[in-house]
Amino acid sequence: MPTPNPSTQVASTLADLKSLPAHEQGMFLLRRLAKRFPKPERFYKKNLALTYPQPDIYGIAVGFPSPEVPAVVQYLLEGPPWRELERCFYVVNASGDGWYEITEEGSEASKQNLQTHAPDRVVLDALALLHKDLQDFGHYFREQKGKDAVAAAFKRVENRLNEIRDSSKAAGVSSVSGVGLPHRLYDSGDLKFPFPDVGAGNQQKREAYAQSLKNLLSSAIGWFRNAFDHEPYNLPDFSDAEMIEHLFVASYMLRLIDKCEAAPNSGLPAIKDQSTIAGNQVLGPKKPQPTKSPLSLKPNLSWRREPVPGGGDDERYQVFAGVENDGEEAATDFLLVVEFPSGFQDGGGHMLQRGQPSQPGLSHFEITNTDEPVKLTRLYPHQKTRPDLISFHVAIFGRVKREHPEQLQERITATVYSGHMKPKGTAVSFAELRE
């Protein structure tokens, strides 16, 4: 029986497969299905999991170690890879009888190369030594996105500090953010000096050590986080070795924060801010704390034009919707809703096409922070979700452009709801998609 190419340059173990981004996992499965079942062939999904007369009789797990094959097949068909194919409308069960076929979109997508490469195995193995929050960063090496990896790692360091701030009961902590946060958390007692024998019995020496420690943690935001997030284009590309070195710095900072939070009080007073009082002398006025802005999230819409099979004057677009925190308060929940006139929808069967539209005749999509592929407990200030939380296709038919151009003023709307904030929305007309 003919089988697909192993594609071991992308994933050769189940752990490799799971380390890929969800979309790449889906593409990995799609390419194997497309090779085995080219259009117009159909396949019965349950048959793909048959183990007689041998495991994986259709070869979708070829190239993986034999002991892993059953688990790989199960993961491909029941896990994120299959869900990604359905989400992108690359496969469809049109007859409802369990027989699937690859759609035109899926057929085109299967011809694209995976945007990944095989990094040094030594580098991937080293990820197991990192802090637990960074051990899933293997996909950045496959995608050759070194600067993105560093930005994400130090964003995690900043968010860890934000989490401690948000749970603090100390006065004046909740309004502090950025490079000043490690200093404030130490002064409030939320972070403690984690090495009790260093500088013990010498207040001046201990204060010097503690000041350096706070400066080190501040550099996670002031240098690493800000430079790699805001000006990556002004930084050189990284080798795998340079990338893993930066991740180990972030890993050490995360472990240090864990120790600082868990450490007992040292018995020595915390370092006071220079705007406080020394004896009866006022060294300087306290800086006023910034006023905390209300909770504020906003939806973002983006799109791209895609080729139409067969050509003609029809136009096809893929539209994406995501969420961004543009306020100063972390959001613990959100609901993103997208609606547009149903006549423009191209394709159906979307997992997120659920709920009730605000009025008849509208296609309605929605997703929450607890749904796949989000799974966020908090969305911090200036943080964005992935841009394609909701993704769908629309079509602008040639006859609409010719006979009813006024319909191009109809709009795609995206609205986000969260906590006590007033819902915030954005919109784009179908005419604007064409600009």
Protein backbone atom coordinates (compact mmCIF):
# COMPACT_ATOMS: atom_id res chain seq x y z
CA MET A 1 0.00 0.00 0.00
CA PRO A 2 1.53 3.41 -0.95
CA THR A 3 2.40 5.58 2.02
CA PRO A 4 3.21 9.25 2.55
CA ASN A 5 6.70 10.63 2.87
CA PRO A 6 7.94 10.41 6.44
CA SER A 7 8.57 14.17 6.81
CA THR A 8 11.06 13.40 9.54
CA GLN A 9 12.76 16.72 8.88
CA VAL A 10 9.79 18.28 10.71
CA ALA A 11 8.85 15.72 13.37
CA SER A 12 10.38 12.33 14.08
CA THR A 13 8.93 11.69 17.56
CA LEU A 14 5.62 12.38 19.25
CA ALA A 15 7.35 15.00 21.42
CA ASP A 16 8.63 16.73 18.26
CA LEU A 17 5.11 16.74 16.82
CA LYS A 18 3.58 18.21 19.96
CA SER A 19 6.21 20.96 20.04
CA LEU A 20 5.04 22.32 16.68
CA PRO A 21 2.51 25.19 16.60
CA ALA A 22 -1.09 23.96 16.27
CA HIS A 23 -1.36 25.08 12.64
CA GLU A 24 1.86 23.30 11.69
CA GLN A 25 0.58 20.13 13.37
CA GLY A 26 -2.54 20.37 11.24
CA MET A 27 -0.50 20.94 8.10
CA PHE A 28 1.66 17.94 8.98
CA LEU A 29 -1.45 15.72 9.02
CA LEU A 30 -2.99 17.42 5.98
CA ARG A 31 0.01 16.73 3.75
CA ARG A 32 -0.08 13.05 4.62
CA LEU A 33 -3.82 12.77 4.05
CA ALA A 34 -3.59 14.66 0.75
CA LYS A 35 -0.89 12.31 -0.51
CA ARG A 36 -2.87 9.22 0.48
CA PHE A 37 -6.35 10.51 -0.49
CA PRO A 38 -5.97 13.07 -3.31
CA LYS A 39 -9.16 14.74 -4.51
CA PRO A 40 -11.75 13.52 -5.28
CA GLU A 41 -11.09 10.47 -3.08
CA ARG A 42 -12.86 10.26 0.27
CA PHE A 43 -11.78 8.50 3.44
CA TYR A 44 -13.57 7.09 6.47
CA LYS A 45 -11.96 8.68 9.52
CA LYS A 46 -12.46 5.69 11.83
CA ASN A 47 -10.62 3.47 9.36
CA LEU A 48 -7.48 5.56 9.78
CA ALA A 49 -7.21 4.32 13.37
CA LEU A 50 -7.50 0.60 12.49
CA THR A 51 -4.72 -1.58 13.91
CA TYR A 52 -5.36 -4.79 11.89
CA PRO A 53 -3.49 -6.34 10.13
CA GLN A 54 -0.90 -3.84 11.44
CA PRO A 55 -0.89 -0.52 13.28
CA ASP A 56 -1.40 2.56 11.07
CA ILE A 57 -2.38 0.68 7.92
CA TYR A 58 -2.80 3.98 6.02
CA GLY A 59 0.68 5.23 6.91
CA ILE A 60 -0.16 8.57 8.53
CA ALA A 61 2.46 7.90 11.25
CA VAL A 62 5.23 6.59 9.00
CA GLY A 63 8.68 7.57 10.21
CA PHE A 64 7.89 7.60 13.92
CA PRO A 65 9.42 5.03 16.31
CA SER A 66 7.35 1.82 16.23
CA PRO A 67 6.39 1.96 19.94
CA GLU A 68 5.01 5.48 19.42
CA VAL A 69 2.94 4.79 16.29
CA PRO A 70 -0.42 4.03 18.06
CA ALA A 71 -0.10 7.14 20.23
CA VAL A 72 0.87 9.28 17.22
CA VAL A 73 -2.15 8.09 15.22
CA GLN A 74 -4.46 8.81 18.15
CA TYR A 75 -2.94 12.27 18.64
CA LEU A 76 -3.20 13.15 14.94
CA LEU A 77 -6.85 12.10 14.68
CA GLU A 78 -8.21 13.13 18.10
CA GLY A 79 -5.96 15.98 19.10
CA PRO A 80 -5.00 19.47 17.85
CA PRO A 81 -3.92 18.38 14.33
CA TRP A 82 -7.40 17.15 13.32
CA ARG A 83 -9.15 20.03 15.10
CA GLU A 84 -6.97 22.47 13.19
CA LEU A 85 -7.99 20.89 9.86
CA GLU A 86 -11.67 21.28 10.76
CA ARG A 87 -11.16 24.83 12.04
CA CYS A 88 -9.50 25.86 8.78
CA PHE A 89 -12.14 24.03 6.71
CA TYR A 90 -9.43 21.86 5.10
CA VAL A 91 -11.50 18.67 5.55
CA VAL A 92 -15.27 18.27 5.47
CA ASN A 93 -17.80 15.55 6.22
CA ALA A 94 -20.28 16.83 3.65
CA SER A 95 -22.56 13.78 3.68
CA GLY A 96 -22.63 13.46 7.47
CA ASP A 97 -21.90 9.72 7.30
CA GLY A 98 -18.32 9.79 8.60
CA TRP A 99 -16.71 9.93 5.14
CA TYR A 100 -14.44 12.95 4.74
CA GLU A 101 -12.84 14.64 1.80
CA ILE A 102 -10.17 17.30 1.49
CA THR A 103 -11.61 20.64 0.42
CA GLU A 104 -10.23 22.86 -2.33
CA GLU A 105 -8.69 25.03 0.39
CA GLY A 106 -7.12 21.97 1.97
CA SER A 107 -5.78 20.74 -1.35
CA GLU A 108 -4.11 24.09 -2.02
CA ALA A 109 -2.76 24.36 1.53
CA SER A 110 -1.27 20.86 1.37
CA LYS A 111 1.01 21.97 -1.44
CA GLN A 112 2.65 24.63 0.72
CA ASN A 113 5.92 23.88 2.44
CA LEU A 114 5.96 23.72 6.22
CA GLN A 115 7.74 26.80 7.49
CA THR A 116 9.94 24.78 9.83
CA HIS A 117 13.39 23.25 9.92
CA ALA A 118 15.02 20.61 12.06
CA PRO A 119 17.15 22.20 14.81
CA ASP A 120 20.07 20.53 16.53
CA ARG A 121 18.80 17.73 18.77
CA VAL A 122 21.22 18.89 21.50
CA VAL A 123 19.43 22.24 21.55
CA LEU A 124 15.99 20.66 21.82
CA ASP A 125 17.17 18.36 24.59
CA ALA A 126 18.49 21.39 26.49
CA LEU A 127 14.95 22.79 26.71
CA ALA A 128 14.22 20.23 29.43
CA LEU A 129 16.67 22.10 31.67
CA LEU A 130 14.79 25.39 31.41
CA HIS A 131 12.19 26.66 33.85
CA LYS A 132 8.92 24.80 33.34
CA ASP A 133 7.28 27.86 31.79
CA LEU A 134 9.78 27.81 28.90
CA GLN A 135 10.10 24.11 28.14
CA ASP A 136 7.58 24.26 25.26
CA PHE A 137 9.67 26.72 23.21
CA GLY A 138 10.86 24.10 20.71
CA HIS A 139 8.63 25.45 17.96
CA TYR A 140 10.56 28.75 17.89
CA PHE A 141 13.69 26.82 16.90
CA ARG A 142 11.80 24.99 14.15
CA GLU A 143 10.37 28.25 12.83
CA GLN A 144 13.73 30.07 13.16
CA LYS A 145 12.09 32.85 15.19
CA GLY A 146 14.88 33.55 17.64
CA LYS A 147 13.93 37.11 18.48
CA ASP A 148 10.28 36.15 18.95
CA ALA A 149 11.40 33.45 21.39
CA VAL A 150 13.43 35.89 23.47
CA ALA A 151 10.59 38.44 23.52
CA ALA A 152 8.12 35.74 24.61
CA ALA A 153 10.45 34.39 27.30
CA PHE A 154 11.03 37.75 28.94
CA LYS A 155 7.36 38.64 28.55
CA ARG A 156 6.77 35.56 30.71
CA VAL A 157 9.23 36.98 33.28
CA GLU A 158 7.29 40.27 33.27
CA ASN A 159 3.96 38.46 33.57
CA ARG A 160 5.28 36.43 36.51
CA LEU A 161 6.00 39.71 38.30
CA ASN A 162 2.56 40.98 37.28
CA GLU A 163 0.94 37.91 38.81
CA ILE A 164 2.69 38.54 42.14
CA ARG A 165 1.63 42.20 41.97
CA ASP A 166 -1.99 41.29 41.27
CA SER A 167 -2.14 38.99 44.31
CA SER A 168 -0.35 41.44 46.63
CA LYS A 169 -2.21 42.92 49.59
CA ALA A 170 0.38 45.69 50.09
CA ALA A 171 -0.76 49.27 49.57
CA GLY A 172 0.44 51.04 46.45
CA VAL A 173 1.62 47.92 44.62
CA SER A 174 -1.31 47.38 42.24
CA SER A 175 -0.62 50.53 40.20
CA VAL A 176 3.07 49.82 39.50
CA SER A 177 4.30 48.17 36.30
CA GLY A 178 7.35 47.97 34.07
CA VAL A 179 10.96 48.34 35.20
CA GLY A 180 9.97 49.73 38.61
CA LEU A 181 7.90 46.67 39.56
CA PRO A 182 10.73 44.42 40.89
CA HIS A 183 11.85 47.29 43.16
CA ARG A 184 8.35 47.90 44.48
CA LEU A 185 7.65 44.20 45.09
CA TYR A 186 10.85 43.90 47.07
CA ASP A 187 10.12 47.01 49.13
CA SER A 188 6.59 45.75 49.87
CA GLY A 189 7.87 42.38 51.06
CA ASP A 190 6.22 40.41 48.26
CA LEU A 191 9.73 39.50 47.09
CA LYS A 192 12.44 38.75 49.66
CA PHE A 193 16.21 38.35 49.44
CA PRO A 194 16.52 34.59 48.77
CA PHE A 195 20.09 33.98 50.04
CA PRO A 196 20.05 34.43 53.84
CA ASP A 197 23.80 33.80 54.32
CA VAL A 198 24.90 36.40 51.77
CA GLY A 199 25.67 39.69 53.49
CA ALA A 200 24.28 38.39 56.76
CA GLY A 201 24.97 40.73 59.66
CA ASN A 202 26.02 43.61 57.42
CA GLN A 203 23.12 45.84 56.45
CA GLN A 204 25.12 47.95 53.99
CA LYS A 205 26.45 44.93 52.14
CA ARG A 206 23.04 43.24 52.12
CA GLU A 207 21.43 46.36 50.68
CA ALA A 208 24.05 46.50 47.93
CA TYR A 209 23.39 42.87 47.00
CA ALA A 210 19.63 43.36 47.09
CA GLN A 211 19.83 46.50 44.95
CA SER A 212 21.82 44.57 42.32
CA LEU A 213 19.30 41.75 42.43
CA LYS A 214 16.43 44.16 41.81
CA ASN A 215 18.34 45.79 38.95
CA LEU A 216 18.89 42.36 37.41
CA LEU A 217 15.16 41.60 37.45
CA SER A 218 14.40 45.08 36.11
CA SER A 219 16.68 44.38 33.14
CA ALA A 220 14.32 41.58 32.13
CA ILE A 221 11.81 44.30 31.25
CA GLY A 222 13.97 47.35 30.54
CA TRP A 223 16.38 45.61 28.19
CA PHE A 224 15.31 42.14 27.11
CA ARG A 225 11.52 42.55 27.08
CA ASN A 226 11.35 46.07 25.63
CA ALA A 227 14.15 45.86 23.07
CA PHE A 228 13.19 42.47 21.67
CA ASP A 229 9.47 43.25 21.63
CA HIS A 230 9.55 46.86 20.40
CA GLU A 231 12.65 47.00 18.16
CA PRO A 232 13.40 43.48 16.90
CA TYR A 233 14.17 44.88 13.45
CA ASN A 234 17.16 46.74 14.94
CA LEU A 235 18.62 43.56 16.46
CA PRO A 236 20.63 40.89 14.61
CA ASP A 237 19.27 37.42 13.89
CA PHE A 238 20.22 34.65 16.29
CA SER A 239 21.92 31.33 15.92
CA ASP A 240 20.40 28.43 17.85
CA ALA A 241 23.22 28.74 20.39
CA GLU A 242 22.55 32.45 21.00
CA MET A 243 18.84 31.77 21.26
CA ILE A 244 19.22 29.07 23.91
CA GLU A 245 21.64 31.30 25.86
CA HIS A 246 19.01 34.03 26.10
CA LEU A 247 16.37 31.52 27.16
CA PHE A 248 18.62 30.30 29.98
CA VAL A 249 18.93 33.90 31.22
CA ALA A 250 15.12 34.18 31.27
CA SER A 251 14.91 30.77 32.91
CA TYR A 252 17.29 31.85 35.68
CA MET A 253 15.24 34.99 36.30
CA LEU A 254 12.03 32.95 36.60
CA ARG A 255 13.70 30.61 39.10
CA LEU A 256 15.06 33.61 41.00
CA ILE A 257 11.58 35.15 41.21
CA ASP A 258 10.21 31.84 42.51
CA LYS A 259 12.89 31.83 45.22
CA CYS A 260 12.35 35.50 46.10
CA GLU A 261 8.62 34.91 46.52
CA ALA A 262 9.08 31.79 48.65
CA ALA A 263 11.95 33.08 50.81
CA PRO A 264 11.29 33.83 54.51
CA ASN A 265 11.83 37.33 55.83
CA SER A 266 15.54 37.89 56.37
CA GLY A 267 15.23 39.88 59.56
CA LEU A 268 16.89 42.84 57.86
CA PRO A 269 14.71 45.77 56.81
CA ALA A 270 13.88 46.12 53.15
CA ILE A 271 15.55 48.89 51.18
CA LYS A 272 13.40 51.98 51.23
CA ASP A 273 12.67 54.13 48.24
CA GLN A 274 14.78 57.30 48.23
CA SER A 275 11.62 59.41 48.38
CA THR A 276 10.84 58.14 51.91
CA ILE A 277 11.94 59.60 55.24
CA ALA A 278 15.37 59.05 56.84
CA GLY A 279 15.01 59.91 60.53
CA ASN A 280 13.23 63.28 60.58
CA GLN A 281 14.69 64.43 57.26
CA VAL A 282 12.62 64.28 54.09
CA LEU A 283 14.96 63.21 51.30
CA GLY A 284 12.54 64.07 48.53
CA PRO A 285 8.85 64.12 47.66
CA LYS A 286 7.18 60.89 46.77
CA LYS A 287 6.30 60.56 43.15
CA PRO A 288 2.54 60.34 42.68
CA GLN A 289 1.38 56.87 41.70
CA PRO A 290 -0.14 56.75 38.20
CA THR A 291 -3.89 56.41 38.07
CA LYS A 292 -4.90 52.96 36.99
CA SER A 293 -6.88 52.96 33.77
CA PRO A 294 -10.09 50.95 33.57
CA LEU A 295 -10.15 47.48 32.17
CA SER A 296 -9.99 47.83 28.40
CA LEU A 297 -9.78 45.22 25.66
CA LYS A 298 -10.18 45.82 21.94
CA PRO A 299 -10.78 43.48 19.02
CA ASN A 300 -8.45 43.42 16.02
CA LEU A 301 -9.43 42.42 12.48
CA SER A 302 -7.01 41.48 9.70
CA TRP A 303 -7.44 39.77 6.35
CA ARG A 304 -5.74 38.51 3.22
CA ARG A 305 -6.91 37.83 -0.29
CA GLU A 306 -6.70 34.24 -1.53
CA PRO A 307 -6.86 32.78 -5.03
CA VAL A 308 -10.21 31.58 -6.33
CA PRO A 309 -10.17 28.11 -7.91
CA GLY A 310 -10.98 28.46 -11.58
CA GLY A 311 -10.32 32.20 -11.66
CA GLY A 312 -13.12 34.52 -12.78
CA ASP A 313 -14.09 37.84 -11.22
CA ASP A 314 -15.11 36.44 -7.82
CA GLU A 315 -12.91 37.41 -4.88
CA ARG A 316 -12.13 35.35 -1.79
CA TYR A 317 -10.69 36.55 1.52
CA GLN A 318 -9.64 34.94 4.75
CA VAL A 319 -10.49 37.11 7.76
CA PHE A 320 -8.92 36.87 11.21
CA ALA A 321 -10.02 38.27 14.57
CA GLY A 322 -8.03 38.55 17.81
CA VAL A 323 -8.02 40.48 21.07
CA GLU A 324 -5.61 43.06 22.52
CA ASN A 325 -5.42 44.50 26.04
CA ASP A 326 -5.03 48.26 25.50
CA GLY A 327 -5.66 49.18 29.14
CA GLU A 328 -3.66 49.01 32.36
CA GLU A 329 -5.57 46.22 34.09
CA ALA A 330 -5.22 42.48 33.49
CA ALA A 331 -8.36 40.83 32.08
CA THR A 332 -9.41 37.50 33.57
CA ASP A 333 -12.09 36.74 30.99
CA PHE A 334 -13.32 37.80 27.58
CA LEU A 335 -15.80 36.91 24.86
CA LEU A 336 -14.99 37.76 21.23
CA VAL A 337 -17.93 37.89 18.80
CA VAL A 338 -17.74 38.36 15.01
CA GLU A 339 -20.79 38.87 12.77
CA PHE A 340 -21.38 39.64 9.10
CA PRO A 341 -24.12 39.07 6.47
CA SER A 342 -24.46 35.35 5.80
CA GLY A 343 -24.55 35.86 2.04
CA PHE A 344 -20.84 36.66 2.05
CA GLN A 345 -19.77 33.55 3.97
CA ASP A 346 -17.73 31.08 1.94
CA GLY A 347 -17.70 27.62 3.47
CA GLY A 348 -19.42 26.25 6.55
CA GLY A 349 -19.11 23.82 9.41
CA HIS A 350 -16.89 26.09 11.53
CA MET A 351 -16.44 24.97 15.12
CA LEU A 352 -16.82 28.54 16.39
CA GLN A 353 -19.99 29.28 14.42
CA ARG A 354 -22.28 29.02 17.41
CA GLY A 355 -24.50 31.17 19.58
CA GLN A 356 -27.32 33.45 18.48
CA PRO A 357 -26.71 36.30 15.99
CA SER A 358 -27.80 39.78 17.00
CA GLN A 359 -30.30 39.75 14.11
CA PRO A 360 -31.49 37.31 11.44
CA GLY A 361 -29.38 36.91 8.33
CA LEU A 362 -26.01 37.23 10.07
CA SER A 363 -23.25 34.65 10.43
CA HIS A 364 -22.16 34.58 14.07
CA PHE A 365 -18.84 33.37 15.48
CA GLU A 366 -17.72 33.53 19.09
CA ILE A 367 -14.85 32.37 21.31
CA THR A 368 -13.95 32.84 24.98
CA ASN A 369 -10.62 32.94 26.77
CA THR A 370 -11.22 29.39 28.06
CA ASP A 371 -11.79 27.88 24.59
CA GLU A 372 -9.22 26.31 22.33
CA PRO A 373 -6.95 27.70 20.97
CA VAL A 374 -6.85 30.45 23.64
CA LYS A 375 -6.64 28.88 27.12
CA LEU A 376 -5.73 32.15 28.88
CA THR A 377 -6.37 32.84 32.55
CA ARG A 378 -5.18 36.44 32.23
CA LEU A 379 -4.57 38.85 29.36
CA TYR A 380 -2.10 41.43 30.62
CA PRO A 381 -1.78 45.10 29.57
CA HIS A 382 -0.27 45.48 26.10
CA GLN A 383 -0.58 41.73 25.53
CA LYS A 384 -2.25 40.40 22.37
CA THR A 385 -3.78 37.02 21.68
CA ARG A 386 -2.83 35.22 18.50
CA PRO A 387 -4.42 37.18 15.64
CA ASP A 388 -6.52 34.26 14.33
CA LEU A 389 -8.62 33.28 17.36
CA ILE A 390 -11.50 33.36 14.90
CA SER A 391 -10.77 32.67 11.24
CA PHE A 392 -13.20 32.30 8.33
CA HIS A 393 -13.57 32.88 4.59
CA VAL A 394 -15.80 35.36 2.78
CA ALA A 395 -16.51 35.70 -0.92
CA ILE A 396 -17.34 38.79 -2.96
CA PHE A 397 -19.03 37.50 -6.07
CA GLY A 398 -18.66 39.18 -9.43
CA ARG A 399 -22.42 39.56 -9.83
CA VAL A 400 -22.59 41.48 -6.53
CA LYS A 401 -19.91 43.89 -7.74
CA ARG A 402 -21.72 44.38 -11.04
CA GLU A 403 -25.38 44.39 -9.98
CA HIS A 404 -25.42 45.35 -6.30
CA PRO A 405 -22.27 47.35 -5.47
CA GLU A 406 -24.10 48.94 -2.53
CA GLN A 407 -23.87 45.60 -0.74
CA LEU A 408 -20.11 46.08 -0.50
CA GLN A 409 -20.81 48.64 2.23
CA GLU A 410 -22.04 45.83 4.48
CA ARG A 411 -19.59 45.24 7.32
CA ILE A 412 -17.80 42.56 9.29
CA THR A 413 -18.02 43.53 12.97
CA ALA A 414 -15.94 42.26 15.88
CA THR A 415 -16.90 42.99 19.49
CA VAL A 416 -15.13 42.02 22.69
CA TYR A 417 -16.78 41.75 26.12
CA SER A 418 -14.91 41.49 29.44
CA GLY A 419 -15.85 41.95 33.08
CA HIS A 420 -17.31 45.35 33.87
CA MET A 421 -15.93 47.17 30.81
CA LYS A 422 -18.17 48.62 28.14
CA PRO A 423 -18.07 46.32 25.08
CA LYS A 424 -15.66 47.57 22.45
CA GLY A 425 -15.96 46.91 18.74
CA THR A 426 -14.36 47.42 15.36
CA ALA A 427 -15.59 46.86 11.80
CA VAL A 428 -14.48 46.66 8.20
CA SER A 429 -16.66 46.90 5.12
CA PHE A 430 -16.38 44.45 2.24
CA ALA A 431 -15.34 47.40 0.07
CA GLU A 432 -12.41 48.00 2.44
CA LEU A 433 -11.28 44.40 2.08
CA ARG A 434 -10.63 45.15 -1.59
CA GLU A 435 -8.48 48.24 -1.00
